[in-house]
Amino acid sequence: MSKCSENPQRREPLVLLVEDEPDTRLSVRLALGSMGWRISEASTGAEALTCAHRDDPDVVLLDLGLPDADGRDVLLKLKASPSAAWIPVVVLSARGDAAQVSDLLRAGAQDIW
């Protein structure tokens, strides 16, 4: 009977954190980092799209209120891109009435926190 060993090519998961508020970014970075996640950060929609294509993250945590773009627009652009459409996107938002949540899920978000 053979014993499987850990894949030497294995890497820790990478999260792309898209958040314009430095204090929130720091809190999320510390929490995820303590669980072994690697973090890539963006504070604007434009940076988010660049980082998503460059870094190939395992998941995107996306704030809706960005200085240069609405997070929903960033979500739609990610989902329309053949190289990024597969990346799960979790929306981080204090807003969130039922209609907005439904709209974001239809647009391709995996979840809303």
PDB file of N, CA and C in Angstrom:
ATOM      1  N   MET A   1       0.848  -1.163   0.000  1.00  0.00           N
ATOM      2  CA  MET A   1       0.000   0.000   0.000  1.00  0.00           C
ATOM      3  C   MET A   1       0.901   1.236   0.000  1.00  0.00           C
ATOM      4  N   SER A   2       0.681   2.124  -0.937  1.00  0.00           N
ATOM      5  CA  SER A   2       1.503   3.337  -1.000  1.00  0.00           C
ATOM      6  C   SER A   2       0.854   4.444  -0.183  1.00  0.00           C
ATOM      7  N   LYS A   3       1.701   5.313   0.278  1.00  0.00           N
ATOM      8  CA  LYS A   3       1.225   6.441   1.086  1.00  0.00           C
ATOM      9  C   LYS A   3       1.406   7.713   0.262  1.00  0.00           C
ATOM     10  N   CYS A   4       0.334   8.495   0.129  1.00  0.00           N
ATOM     11  CA  CYS A   4       0.415   9.742  -0.630  1.00  0.00           C
ATOM     12  C   CYS A   4       1.117  10.792   0.210  1.00  0.00           C
ATOM     13  N   SER A   5       1.984  11.542  -0.428  1.00  0.00           N
ATOM     14  CA  SER A   5       2.647  12.635   0.280  1.00  0.00           C
ATOM     15  C   SER A   5       2.114  13.951  -0.255  1.00  0.00           C
ATOM     16  N   GLU A   6       2.363  14.980   0.513  1.00  0.00           N
ATOM     17  CA  GLU A   6       1.907  16.311   0.105  1.00  0.00           C
ATOM     18  C   GLU A   6       2.596  16.708  -1.191  1.00  0.00           C
ATOM     19  N   ASN A   7       1.866  17.328  -2.054  1.00  0.00           N
ATOM     20  CA  ASN A   7       2.398  17.785  -3.330  1.00  0.00           C
ATOM     21  C   ASN A   7       3.451  18.859  -3.075  1.00  0.00           C
ATOM     22  N   PRO A   8       4.690  18.662  -3.540  1.00  0.00           N
ATOM     23  CA  PRO A   8       5.725  19.678  -3.309  1.00  0.00           C
ATOM     24  C   PRO A   8       5.435  20.991  -4.028  1.00  0.00           C
ATOM     25  N   GLN A   9       4.553  20.971  -4.996  1.00  0.00           N
ATOM     26  CA  GLN A   9       4.194  22.187  -5.722  1.00  0.00           C
ATOM     27  C   GLN A   9       3.075  22.962  -5.026  1.00  0.00           C
ATOM     28  N   ARG A  10       2.537  22.409  -3.947  1.00  0.00           N
ATOM     29  CA  ARG A  10       1.418  23.030  -3.232  1.00  0.00           C
ATOM     30  C   ARG A  10       1.813  24.418  -2.719  1.00  0.00           C
ATOM     31  N   ARG A  11       0.885  25.328  -2.814  1.00  0.00           N
ATOM     32  CA  ARG A  11       1.107  26.668  -2.288  1.00  0.00           C
ATOM     33  C   ARG A  11      -0.092  27.049  -1.442  1.00  0.00           C
ATOM     34  N   GLU A  12       0.133  27.965  -0.537  1.00  0.00           N
ATOM     35  CA  GLU A  12      -0.969  28.440   0.280  1.00  0.00           C
ATOM     36  C   GLU A  12      -1.940  29.217  -0.602  1.00  0.00           C
ATOM     37  N   PRO A  13      -3.227  29.197  -0.278  1.00  0.00           N
ATOM     38  CA  PRO A  13      -4.219  29.912  -1.098  1.00  0.00           C
ATOM     39  C   PRO A  13      -3.933  31.414  -1.117  1.00  0.00           C
ATOM     40  N   LEU A  14      -4.272  32.032  -2.227  1.00  0.00           N
ATOM     41  CA  LEU A  14      -4.089  33.470  -2.400  1.00  0.00           C
ATOM     42  C   LEU A  14      -5.444  34.147  -2.507  1.00  0.00           C
ATOM     43  N   VAL A  15      -5.662  35.145  -1.664  1.00  0.00           N
ATOM     44  CA  VAL A  15      -6.885  35.941  -1.725  1.00  0.00           C
ATOM     45  C   VAL A  15      -6.515  37.331  -2.230  1.00  0.00           C
ATOM     46  N   LEU A  16      -7.303  37.830  -3.159  1.00  0.00           N
ATOM     47  CA  LEU A  16      -7.185  39.218  -3.605  1.00  0.00           C
ATOM     48  C   LEU A  16      -8.198  40.014  -2.806  1.00  0.00           C
ATOM     49  N   LEU A  17      -7.708  40.881  -1.960  1.00  0.00           N
ATOM     50  CA  LEU A  17      -8.542  41.725  -1.116  1.00  0.00           C
ATOM     51  C   LEU A  17      -8.679  43.082  -1.780  1.00  0.00           C
ATOM     52  N   VAL A  18      -9.901  43.435  -2.172  1.00  0.00           N
ATOM     53  CA  VAL A  18     -10.177  44.706  -2.841  1.00  0.00           C
ATOM     54  C   VAL A  18     -10.979  45.568  -1.873  1.00  0.00           C
ATOM     55  N   GLU A  19     -10.282  46.523  -1.266  1.00  0.00           N
ATOM     56  CA  GLU A  19     -10.880  47.355  -0.217  1.00  0.00           C
ATOM     57  C   GLU A  19     -10.127  48.679  -0.181  1.00  0.00           C
ATOM     58  N   ASP A  20     -10.867  49.793  -0.191  1.00  0.00           N
ATOM     59  CA  ASP A  20     -10.216  51.104  -0.207  1.00  0.00           C
ATOM     60  C   ASP A  20      -9.911  51.648   1.184  1.00  0.00           C
ATOM     61  N   GLU A  21     -10.531  51.102   2.214  1.00  0.00           N
ATOM     62  CA  GLU A  21     -10.298  51.577   3.581  1.00  0.00           C
ATOM     63  C   GLU A  21      -9.091  50.858   4.188  1.00  0.00           C
ATOM     64  N   PRO A  22      -8.008  51.593   4.491  1.00  0.00           N
ATOM     65  CA  PRO A  22      -6.791  50.953   5.018  1.00  0.00           C
ATOM     66  C   PRO A  22      -7.013  50.152   6.298  1.00  0.00           C
ATOM     67  N   ASP A  23      -7.830  50.646   7.226  1.00  0.00           N
ATOM     68  CA  ASP A  23      -8.058  49.920   8.478  1.00  0.00           C
ATOM     69  C   ASP A  23      -8.774  48.593   8.239  1.00  0.00           C
ATOM     70  N   THR A  24      -9.729  48.594   7.326  1.00  0.00           N
ATOM     71  CA  THR A  24     -10.445  47.358   7.001  1.00  0.00           C
ATOM     72  C   THR A  24      -9.505  46.379   6.312  1.00  0.00           C
ATOM     73  N   ARG A  25      -8.692  46.894   5.384  1.00  0.00           N
ATOM     74  CA  ARG A  25      -7.712  46.025   4.712  1.00  0.00           C
ATOM     75  C   ARG A  25      -6.785  45.380   5.735  1.00  0.00           C
ATOM     76  N   LEU A  26      -6.301  46.163   6.684  1.00  0.00           N
ATOM     77  CA  LEU A  26      -5.397  45.639   7.697  1.00  0.00           C
ATOM     78  C   LEU A  26      -6.076  44.544   8.522  1.00  0.00           C
ATOM     79  N   SER A  27      -7.296  44.780   8.960  1.00  0.00           N
ATOM     80  CA  SER A  27      -8.018  43.790   9.768  1.00  0.00           C
ATOM     81  C   SER A  27      -8.209  42.480   9.012  1.00  0.00           C
ATOM     82  N   VAL A  28      -8.641  42.585   7.769  1.00  0.00           N
ATOM     83  CA  VAL A  28      -8.881  41.375   6.973  1.00  0.00           C
ATOM     84  C   VAL A  28      -7.548  40.683   6.675  1.00  0.00           C
ATOM     85  N   ARG A  29      -6.507  41.454   6.349  1.00  0.00           N
ATOM     86  CA  ARG A  29      -5.191  40.883   6.061  1.00  0.00           C
ATOM     87  C   ARG A  29      -4.666  40.108   7.271  1.00  0.00           C
ATOM     88  N   LEU A  30      -4.792  40.682   8.460  1.00  0.00           N
ATOM     89  CA  LEU A  30      -4.318  40.003   9.664  1.00  0.00           C
ATOM     90  C   LEU A  30      -5.105  38.720   9.933  1.00  0.00           C
ATOM     91  N   ALA A  31      -6.417  38.796   9.778  1.00  0.00           N
ATOM     92  CA  ALA A  31      -7.257  37.616  10.026  1.00  0.00           C
ATOM     93  C   ALA A  31      -6.933  36.492   9.044  1.00  0.00           C
ATOM     94  N   LEU A  32      -6.851  36.809   7.773  1.00  0.00           N
ATOM     95  CA  LEU A  32      -6.582  35.777   6.771  1.00  0.00           C
ATOM     96  C   LEU A  32      -5.146  35.277   6.855  1.00  0.00           C
ATOM     97  N   GLY A  33      -4.230  36.191   7.121  1.00  0.00           N
ATOM     98  CA  GLY A  33      -2.832  35.800   7.258  1.00  0.00           C
ATOM     99  C   GLY A  33      -2.625  34.831   8.406  1.00  0.00           C
ATOM    100  N   SER A  34      -3.367  35.006   9.487  1.00  0.00           N
ATOM    101  CA  SER A  34      -3.242  34.103  10.635  1.00  0.00           C
ATOM    102  C   SER A  34      -3.742  32.694  10.304  1.00  0.00           C
ATOM    103  N   MET A  35      -4.519  32.573   9.237  1.00  0.00           N
ATOM    104  CA  MET A  35      -5.016  31.265   8.812  1.00  0.00           C
ATOM    105  C   MET A  35      -4.178  30.671   7.682  1.00  0.00           C
ATOM    106  N   GLY A  36      -3.085  31.350   7.343  1.00  0.00           N
ATOM    107  CA  GLY A  36      -2.185  30.811   6.337  1.00  0.00           C
ATOM    108  C   GLY A  36      -2.438  31.277   4.917  1.00  0.00           C
ATOM    109  N   TRP A  37      -3.382  32.168   4.711  1.00  0.00           N
ATOM    110  CA  TRP A  37      -3.646  32.668   3.368  1.00  0.00           C
ATOM    111  C   TRP A  37      -2.587  33.688   2.974  1.00  0.00           C
ATOM    112  N   ARG A  38      -2.225  33.693   1.723  1.00  0.00           N
ATOM    113  CA  ARG A  38      -1.409  34.771   1.159  1.00  0.00           C
ATOM    114  C   ARG A  38      -2.380  35.854   0.704  1.00  0.00           C
ATOM    115  N   ILE A  39      -1.956  37.105   0.781  1.00  0.00           N
ATOM    116  CA  ILE A  39      -2.846  38.222   0.477  1.00  0.00           C
ATOM    117  C   ILE A  39      -2.235  39.090  -0.609  1.00  0.00           C
ATOM    118  N   SER A  40      -3.056  39.410  -1.593  1.00  0.00           N
ATOM    119  CA  SER A  40      -2.739  40.432  -2.587  1.00  0.00           C
ATOM    120  C   SER A  40      -3.791  41.516  -2.367  1.00  0.00           C
ATOM    121  N   GLU A  41      -3.371  42.773  -2.435  1.00  0.00           N
ATOM    122  CA  GLU A  41      -4.307  43.850  -2.110  1.00  0.00           C
ATOM    123  C   GLU A  41      -4.473  44.833  -3.257  1.00  0.00           C
ATOM    124  N   ALA A  42      -5.672  45.372  -3.343  1.00  0.00           N
ATOM    125  CA  ALA A  42      -5.992  46.437  -4.297  1.00  0.00           C
ATOM    126  C   ALA A  42      -6.945  47.393  -3.599  1.00  0.00           C
ATOM    127  N   SER A  43      -6.773  48.690  -3.880  1.00  0.00           N
ATOM    128  CA  SER A  43      -7.656  49.675  -3.241  1.00  0.00           C
ATOM    129  C   SER A  43      -8.572  50.373  -4.240  1.00  0.00           C
ATOM    130  N   THR A  44      -8.472  50.020  -5.515  1.00  0.00           N
ATOM    131  CA  THR A  44      -9.343  50.591  -6.542  1.00  0.00           C
ATOM    132  C   THR A  44      -9.827  49.474  -7.467  1.00  0.00           C
ATOM    133  N   GLY A  45     -10.844  49.783  -8.245  1.00  0.00           N
ATOM    134  CA  GLY A  45     -11.338  48.821  -9.219  1.00  0.00           C
ATOM    135  C   GLY A  45     -10.298  48.496 -10.280  1.00  0.00           C
ATOM    136  N   ALA A  46      -9.584  49.516 -10.739  1.00  0.00           N
ATOM    137  CA  ALA A  46      -8.554  49.301 -11.765  1.00  0.00           C
ATOM    138  C   ALA A  46      -7.449  48.384 -11.244  1.00  0.00           C
ATOM    139  N   GLU A  47      -7.011  48.630 -10.017  1.00  0.00           N
ATOM    140  CA  GLU A  47      -5.992  47.762  -9.415  1.00  0.00           C
ATOM    141  C   GLU A  47      -6.519  46.337  -9.264  1.00  0.00           C
ATOM    142  N   ALA A  48      -7.771  46.211  -8.891  1.00  0.00           N
ATOM    143  CA  ALA A  48      -8.366  44.887  -8.705  1.00  0.00           C
ATOM    144  C   ALA A  48      -8.316  44.073  -9.990  1.00  0.00           C
ATOM    145  N   LEU A  49      -8.674  44.688 -11.088  1.00  0.00           N
ATOM    146  CA  LEU A  49      -8.667  43.973 -12.368  1.00  0.00           C
ATOM    147  C   LEU A  49      -7.248  43.595 -12.773  1.00  0.00           C
ATOM    148  N   THR A  50      -6.304  44.499 -12.573  1.00  0.00           N
ATOM    149  CA  THR A  50      -4.904  44.202 -12.887  1.00  0.00           C
ATOM    150  C   THR A  50      -4.396  43.055 -12.031  1.00  0.00           C
ATOM    151  N   CYS A  51      -4.634  43.128 -10.721  1.00  0.00           N
ATOM    152  CA  CYS A  51      -4.160  42.097  -9.801  1.00  0.00           C
ATOM    153  C   CYS A  51      -4.816  40.742 -10.075  1.00  0.00           C
ATOM    154  N   ALA A  52      -6.090  40.740 -10.393  1.00  0.00           N
ATOM    155  CA  ALA A  52      -6.786  39.479 -10.663  1.00  0.00           C
ATOM    156  C   ALA A  52      -6.158  38.759 -11.851  1.00  0.00           C
ATOM    157  N   HIS A  53      -5.790  39.498 -12.881  1.00  0.00           N
ATOM    158  CA  HIS A  53      -5.189  38.883 -14.060  1.00  0.00           C
ATOM    159  C   HIS A  53      -3.723  38.531 -13.834  1.00  0.00           C
ATOM    160  N   ARG A  54      -3.015  39.338 -13.067  1.00  0.00           N
ATOM    161  CA  ARG A  54      -1.584  39.119 -12.841  1.00  0.00           C
ATOM    162  C   ARG A  54      -1.331  38.029 -11.807  1.00  0.00           C
ATOM    163  N   ASP A  55      -2.101  38.046 -10.699  1.00  0.00           N
ATOM    164  CA  ASP A  55      -1.789  37.197  -9.552  1.00  0.00           C
ATOM    165  C   ASP A  55      -2.502  35.851  -9.543  1.00  0.00           C
ATOM    166  N   ASP A  56      -3.543  35.692 -10.336  1.00  0.00           N
ATOM    167  CA  ASP A  56      -4.301  34.445 -10.398  1.00  0.00           C
ATOM    168  C   ASP A  56      -4.754  33.987  -9.004  1.00  0.00           C
ATOM    169  N   PRO A  57      -5.544  34.827  -8.314  1.00  0.00           N
ATOM    170  CA  PRO A  57      -5.945  34.482  -6.942  1.00  0.00           C
ATOM    171  C   PRO A  57      -6.930  33.315  -6.898  1.00  0.00           C
ATOM    172  N   ASP A  58      -7.006  32.703  -5.732  1.00  0.00           N
ATOM    173  CA  ASP A  58      -7.960  31.616  -5.516  1.00  0.00           C
ATOM    174  C   ASP A  58      -9.353  32.145  -5.216  1.00  0.00           C
ATOM    175  N   VAL A  59      -9.425  33.368  -4.704  1.00  0.00           N
ATOM    176  CA  VAL A  59     -10.699  34.007  -4.386  1.00  0.00           C
ATOM    177  C   VAL A  59     -10.479  35.517  -4.346  1.00  0.00           C
ATOM    178  N   VAL A  60     -11.523  36.266  -4.662  1.00  0.00           N
ATOM    179  CA  VAL A  60     -11.502  37.728  -4.555  1.00  0.00           C
ATOM    180  C   VAL A  60     -12.506  38.139  -3.493  1.00  0.00           C
ATOM    181  N   LEU A  61     -12.059  38.958  -2.544  1.00  0.00           N
ATOM    182  CA  LEU A  61     -12.959  39.592  -1.576  1.00  0.00           C
ATOM    183  C   LEU A  61     -13.122  41.023  -2.042  1.00  0.00           C
ATOM    184  N   LEU A  62     -14.319  41.399  -2.442  1.00  0.00           N
ATOM    185  CA  LEU A  62     -14.562  42.647  -3.158  1.00  0.00           C
ATOM    186  C   LEU A  62     -15.494  43.587  -2.412  1.00  0.00           C
ATOM    187  N   ASP A  63     -14.978  44.767  -2.091  1.00  0.00           N
ATOM    188  CA  ASP A  63     -15.791  45.834  -1.514  1.00  0.00           C
ATOM    189  C   ASP A  63     -16.606  46.468  -2.642  1.00  0.00           C
ATOM    190  N   LEU A  64     -17.801  46.920  -2.344  1.00  0.00           N
ATOM    191  CA  LEU A  64     -18.627  47.568  -3.373  1.00  0.00           C
ATOM    192  C   LEU A  64     -18.295  49.039  -3.553  1.00  0.00           C
ATOM    193  N   GLY A  65     -17.901  49.711  -2.474  1.00  0.00           N
ATOM    194  CA  GLY A  65     -17.666  51.153  -2.537  1.00  0.00           C
ATOM    195  C   GLY A  65     -16.211  51.481  -2.785  1.00  0.00           C
ATOM    196  N   LEU A  66     -15.802  51.507  -4.029  1.00  0.00           N
ATOM    197  CA  LEU A  66     -14.423  51.823  -4.385  1.00  0.00           C
ATOM    198  C   LEU A  66     -14.347  53.241  -4.939  1.00  0.00           C
ATOM    199  N   PRO A  67     -13.196  53.896  -4.812  1.00  0.00           N
ATOM    200  CA  PRO A  67     -13.107  55.301  -5.228  1.00  0.00           C
ATOM    201  C   PRO A  67     -13.258  55.528  -6.729  1.00  0.00           C
ATOM    202  N   ASP A  68     -12.893  54.548  -7.541  1.00  0.00           N
ATOM    203  CA  ASP A  68     -12.909  54.751  -8.988  1.00  0.00           C
ATOM    204  C   ASP A  68     -13.955  53.923  -9.721  1.00  0.00           C
ATOM    205  N   ALA A  69     -14.644  53.036  -9.003  1.00  0.00           N
ATOM    206  CA  ALA A  69     -15.595  52.145  -9.677  1.00  0.00           C
ATOM    207  C   ALA A  69     -16.563  51.576  -8.654  1.00  0.00           C
ATOM    208  N   ASP A  70     -17.718  51.202  -9.126  1.00  0.00           N
ATOM    209  CA  ASP A  70     -18.654  50.462  -8.297  1.00  0.00           C
ATOM    210  C   ASP A  70     -18.199  49.009  -8.304  1.00  0.00           C
ATOM    211  N   GLY A  71     -18.196  48.375  -7.125  1.00  0.00           N
ATOM    212  CA  GLY A  71     -17.758  46.994  -7.040  1.00  0.00           C
ATOM    213  C   GLY A  71     -18.537  46.059  -7.946  1.00  0.00           C
ATOM    214  N   ARG A  72     -19.815  46.354  -8.172  1.00  0.00           N
ATOM    215  CA  ARG A  72     -20.617  45.522  -9.083  1.00  0.00           C
ATOM    216  C   ARG A  72     -20.032  45.548 -10.483  1.00  0.00           C
ATOM    217  N   ASP A  73     -19.559  46.716 -10.931  1.00  0.00           N
ATOM    218  CA  ASP A  73     -18.947  46.819 -12.256  1.00  0.00           C
ATOM    219  C   ASP A  73     -17.658  45.995 -12.328  1.00  0.00           C
ATOM    220  N   VAL A  74     -16.887  46.028 -11.249  1.00  0.00           N
ATOM    221  CA  VAL A  74     -15.662  45.219 -11.192  1.00  0.00           C
ATOM    222  C   VAL A  74     -16.029  43.739 -11.258  1.00  0.00           C
ATOM    223  N   LEU A  75     -17.047  43.335 -10.515  1.00  0.00           N
ATOM    224  CA  LEU A  75     -17.525  41.953 -10.555  1.00  0.00           C
ATOM    225  C   LEU A  75     -17.904  41.551 -11.977  1.00  0.00           C
ATOM    226  N   LEU A  76     -18.673  42.382 -12.647  1.00  0.00           N
ATOM    227  CA  LEU A  76     -19.095  42.070 -14.022  1.00  0.00           C
ATOM    228  C   LEU A  76     -17.900  41.942 -14.961  1.00  0.00           C
ATOM    229  N   LYS A  77     -16.905  42.815 -14.813  1.00  0.00           N
ATOM    230  CA  LYS A  77     -15.708  42.739 -15.671  1.00  0.00           C
ATOM    231  C   LYS A  77     -14.915  41.465 -15.395  1.00  0.00           C
ATOM    232  N   LEU A  78     -14.805  41.092 -14.129  1.00  0.00           N
ATOM    233  CA  LEU A  78     -14.105  39.848 -13.805  1.00  0.00           C
ATOM    234  C   LEU A  78     -14.821  38.653 -14.419  1.00  0.00           C
ATOM    235  N   LYS A  79     -16.136  38.615 -14.278  1.00  0.00           N
ATOM    236  CA  LYS A  79     -16.902  37.476 -14.780  1.00  0.00           C
ATOM    237  C   LYS A  79     -16.961  37.432 -16.305  1.00  0.00           C
ATOM    238  N   ALA A  80     -16.722  38.571 -16.955  1.00  0.00           N
ATOM    239  CA  ALA A  80     -16.722  38.616 -18.420  1.00  0.00           C
ATOM    240  C   ALA A  80     -15.355  38.250 -19.008  1.00  0.00           C
ATOM    241  N   SER A  81     -14.342  38.194 -18.176  1.00  0.00           N
ATOM    242  CA  SER A  81     -12.985  37.909 -18.640  1.00  0.00           C
ATOM    243  C   SER A  81     -12.732  36.405 -18.659  1.00  0.00           C
ATOM    244  N   PRO A  82     -12.360  35.848 -19.816  1.00  0.00           N
ATOM    245  CA  PRO A  82     -12.106  34.407 -19.881  1.00  0.00           C
ATOM    246  C   PRO A  82     -11.027  33.940 -18.902  1.00  0.00           C
ATOM    247  N   SER A  83     -10.049  34.785 -18.606  1.00  0.00           N
ATOM    248  CA  SER A  83      -8.970  34.367 -17.713  1.00  0.00           C
ATOM    249  C   SER A  83      -9.314  34.531 -16.229  1.00  0.00           C
ATOM    250  N   ALA A  84     -10.393  35.237 -15.919  1.00  0.00           N
ATOM    251  CA  ALA A  84     -10.731  35.479 -14.508  1.00  0.00           C
ATOM    252  C   ALA A  84     -12.142  35.028 -14.144  1.00  0.00           C
ATOM    253  N   ALA A  85     -12.930  34.615 -15.097  1.00  0.00           N
ATOM    254  CA  ALA A  85     -14.337  34.287 -14.837  1.00  0.00           C
ATOM    255  C   ALA A  85     -14.502  33.155 -13.824  1.00  0.00           C
ATOM    256  N   TRP A  86     -13.550  32.279 -13.739  1.00  0.00           N
ATOM    257  CA  TRP A  86     -13.629  31.127 -12.836  1.00  0.00           C
ATOM    258  C   TRP A  86     -13.364  31.495 -11.378  1.00  0.00           C
ATOM    259  N   ILE A  87     -12.766  32.657 -11.113  1.00  0.00           N
ATOM    260  CA  ILE A  87     -12.360  33.029  -9.760  1.00  0.00           C
ATOM    261  C   ILE A  87     -13.603  33.348  -8.921  1.00  0.00           C
ATOM    262  N   PRO A  88     -13.786  32.674  -7.788  1.00  0.00           N
ATOM    263  CA  PRO A  88     -14.917  33.002  -6.928  1.00  0.00           C
ATOM    264  C   PRO A  88     -14.766  34.422  -6.360  1.00  0.00           C
ATOM    265  N   VAL A  89     -15.860  35.162  -6.352  1.00  0.00           N
ATOM    266  CA  VAL A  89     -15.860  36.526  -5.815  1.00  0.00           C
ATOM    267  C   VAL A  89     -16.862  36.582  -4.671  1.00  0.00           C
ATOM    268  N   VAL A  90     -16.364  37.015  -3.508  1.00  0.00           N
ATOM    269  CA  VAL A  90     -17.215  37.228  -2.340  1.00  0.00           C
ATOM    270  C   VAL A  90     -17.275  38.730  -2.126  1.00  0.00           C
ATOM    271  N   VAL A  91     -18.465  39.270  -2.126  1.00  0.00           N
ATOM    272  CA  VAL A  91     -18.658  40.710  -1.960  1.00  0.00           C
ATOM    273  C   VAL A  91     -18.707  41.035  -0.469  1.00  0.00           C
ATOM    274  N   LEU A  92     -17.933  42.051  -0.084  1.00  0.00           N
ATOM    275  CA  LEU A  92     -17.929  42.555   1.288  1.00  0.00           C
ATOM    276  C   LEU A  92     -18.684  43.863   1.286  1.00  0.00           C
ATOM    277  N   SER A  93     -19.780  43.930   2.021  1.00  0.00           N
ATOM    278  CA  SER A  93     -20.567  45.159   1.990  1.00  0.00           C
ATOM    279  C   SER A  93     -21.430  45.300   3.228  1.00  0.00           C
ATOM    280  N   ALA A  94     -21.488  46.528   3.729  1.00  0.00           N
ATOM    281  CA  ALA A  94     -22.412  46.834   4.818  1.00  0.00           C
ATOM    282  C   ALA A  94     -23.815  47.042   4.257  1.00  0.00           C
ATOM    283  N   ARG A  95     -23.881  47.457   2.979  1.00  0.00           N
ATOM    284  CA  ARG A  95     -25.181  47.584   2.322  1.00  0.00           C
ATOM    285  C   ARG A  95     -25.669  46.179   1.997  1.00  0.00           C
ATOM    286  N   GLY A  96     -26.903  46.037   1.702  1.00  0.00           N
ATOM    287  CA  GLY A  96     -27.310  44.706   1.320  1.00  0.00           C
ATOM    288  C   GLY A  96     -28.771  44.412   1.487  1.00  0.00           C
ATOM    289  N   ASP A  97     -29.607  45.194   0.848  1.00  0.00           N
ATOM    290  CA  ASP A  97     -31.016  44.829   0.864  1.00  0.00           C
ATOM    291  C   ASP A  97     -31.195  43.605  -0.034  1.00  0.00           C
ATOM    292  N   ALA A  98     -32.320  42.968   0.078  1.00  0.00           N
ATOM    293  CA  ALA A  98     -32.567  41.708  -0.638  1.00  0.00           C
ATOM    294  C   ALA A  98     -32.414  41.856  -2.143  1.00  0.00           C
ATOM    295  N   ALA A  99     -32.882  42.957  -2.711  1.00  0.00           N
ATOM    296  CA  ALA A  99     -32.776  43.162  -4.158  1.00  0.00           C
ATOM    297  C   ALA A  99     -31.311  43.268  -4.583  1.00  0.00           C
ATOM    298  N   GLN A 100     -30.501  43.985  -3.805  1.00  0.00           N
ATOM    299  CA  GLN A 100     -29.090  44.135  -4.149  1.00  0.00           C
ATOM    300  C   GLN A 100     -28.359  42.795  -4.041  1.00  0.00           C
ATOM    301  N   VAL A 101     -28.638  42.058  -2.978  1.00  0.00           N
ATOM    302  CA  VAL A 101     -28.011  40.747  -2.807  1.00  0.00           C
ATOM    303  C   VAL A 101     -28.359  39.843  -3.976  1.00  0.00           C
ATOM    304  N   SER A 102     -29.615  39.810  -4.342  1.00  0.00           N
ATOM    305  CA  SER A 102     -30.059  38.993  -5.470  1.00  0.00           C
ATOM    306  C   SER A 102     -29.362  39.415  -6.768  1.00  0.00           C
ATOM    307  N   ASP A 103     -29.260  40.718  -6.986  1.00  0.00           N
ATOM    308  CA  ASP A 103     -28.602  41.242  -8.177  1.00  0.00           C
ATOM    309  C   ASP A 103     -27.127  40.826  -8.224  1.00  0.00           C
ATOM    310  N   LEU A 104     -26.429  40.936  -7.106  1.00  0.00           N
ATOM    311  CA  LEU A 104     -25.011  40.574  -7.067  1.00  0.00           C
ATOM    312  C   LEU A 104     -24.803  39.084  -7.291  1.00  0.00           C
ATOM    313  N   LEU A 105     -25.682  38.266  -6.753  1.00  0.00           N
ATOM    314  CA  LEU A 105     -25.577  36.823  -6.983  1.00  0.00           C
ATOM    315  C   LEU A 105     -25.827  36.489  -8.450  1.00  0.00           C
ATOM    316  N   ARG A 106     -26.808  37.149  -9.069  1.00  0.00           N
ATOM    317  CA  ARG A 106     -27.057  36.948 -10.504  1.00  0.00           C
ATOM    318  C   ARG A 106     -25.881  37.425 -11.345  1.00  0.00           C
ATOM    319  N   ALA A 107     -25.183  38.454 -10.869  1.00  0.00           N
ATOM    320  CA  ALA A 107     -24.032  39.002 -11.599  1.00  0.00           C
ATOM    321  C   ALA A 107     -22.796  38.107 -11.477  1.00  0.00           C
ATOM    322  N   GLY A 108     -22.833  37.136 -10.569  1.00  0.00           N
ATOM    323  CA  GLY A 108     -21.737  36.192 -10.479  1.00  0.00           C
ATOM    324  C   GLY A 108     -21.038  36.094  -9.147  1.00  0.00           C
ATOM    325  N   ALA A 109     -21.471  36.858  -8.144  1.00  0.00           N
ATOM    326  CA  ALA A 109     -20.854  36.738  -6.819  1.00  0.00           C
ATOM    327  C   ALA A 109     -21.178  35.376  -6.223  1.00  0.00           C
ATOM    328  N   GLN A 110     -20.214  34.809  -5.527  1.00  0.00           N
ATOM    329  CA  GLN A 110     -20.441  33.534  -4.859  1.00  0.00           C
ATOM    330  C   GLN A 110     -21.210  33.723  -3.567  1.00  0.00           C
ATOM    331  N   ASP A 111     -20.942  34.853  -2.895  1.00  0.00           N
ATOM    332  CA  ASP A 111     -21.590  35.112  -1.616  1.00  0.00           C
ATOM    333  C   ASP A 111     -21.452  36.603  -1.308  1.00  0.00           C
ATOM    334  N   ILE A 112     -22.227  37.067  -0.340  1.00  0.00           N
ATOM    335  CA  ILE A 112     -22.168  38.465   0.108  1.00  0.00           C
ATOM    336  C   ILE A 112     -22.034  38.434   1.616  1.00  0.00           C
ATOM    337  N   TRP A 113     -21.015  39.110   2.131  1.00  0.00           N
ATOM    338  CA  TRP A 113     -20.805  39.207   3.577  1.00  0.00           C
ATOM    339  C   TRP A 113     -21.021  40.608   4.012  1.00  0.00           C
TER     340      TRP A 113
END
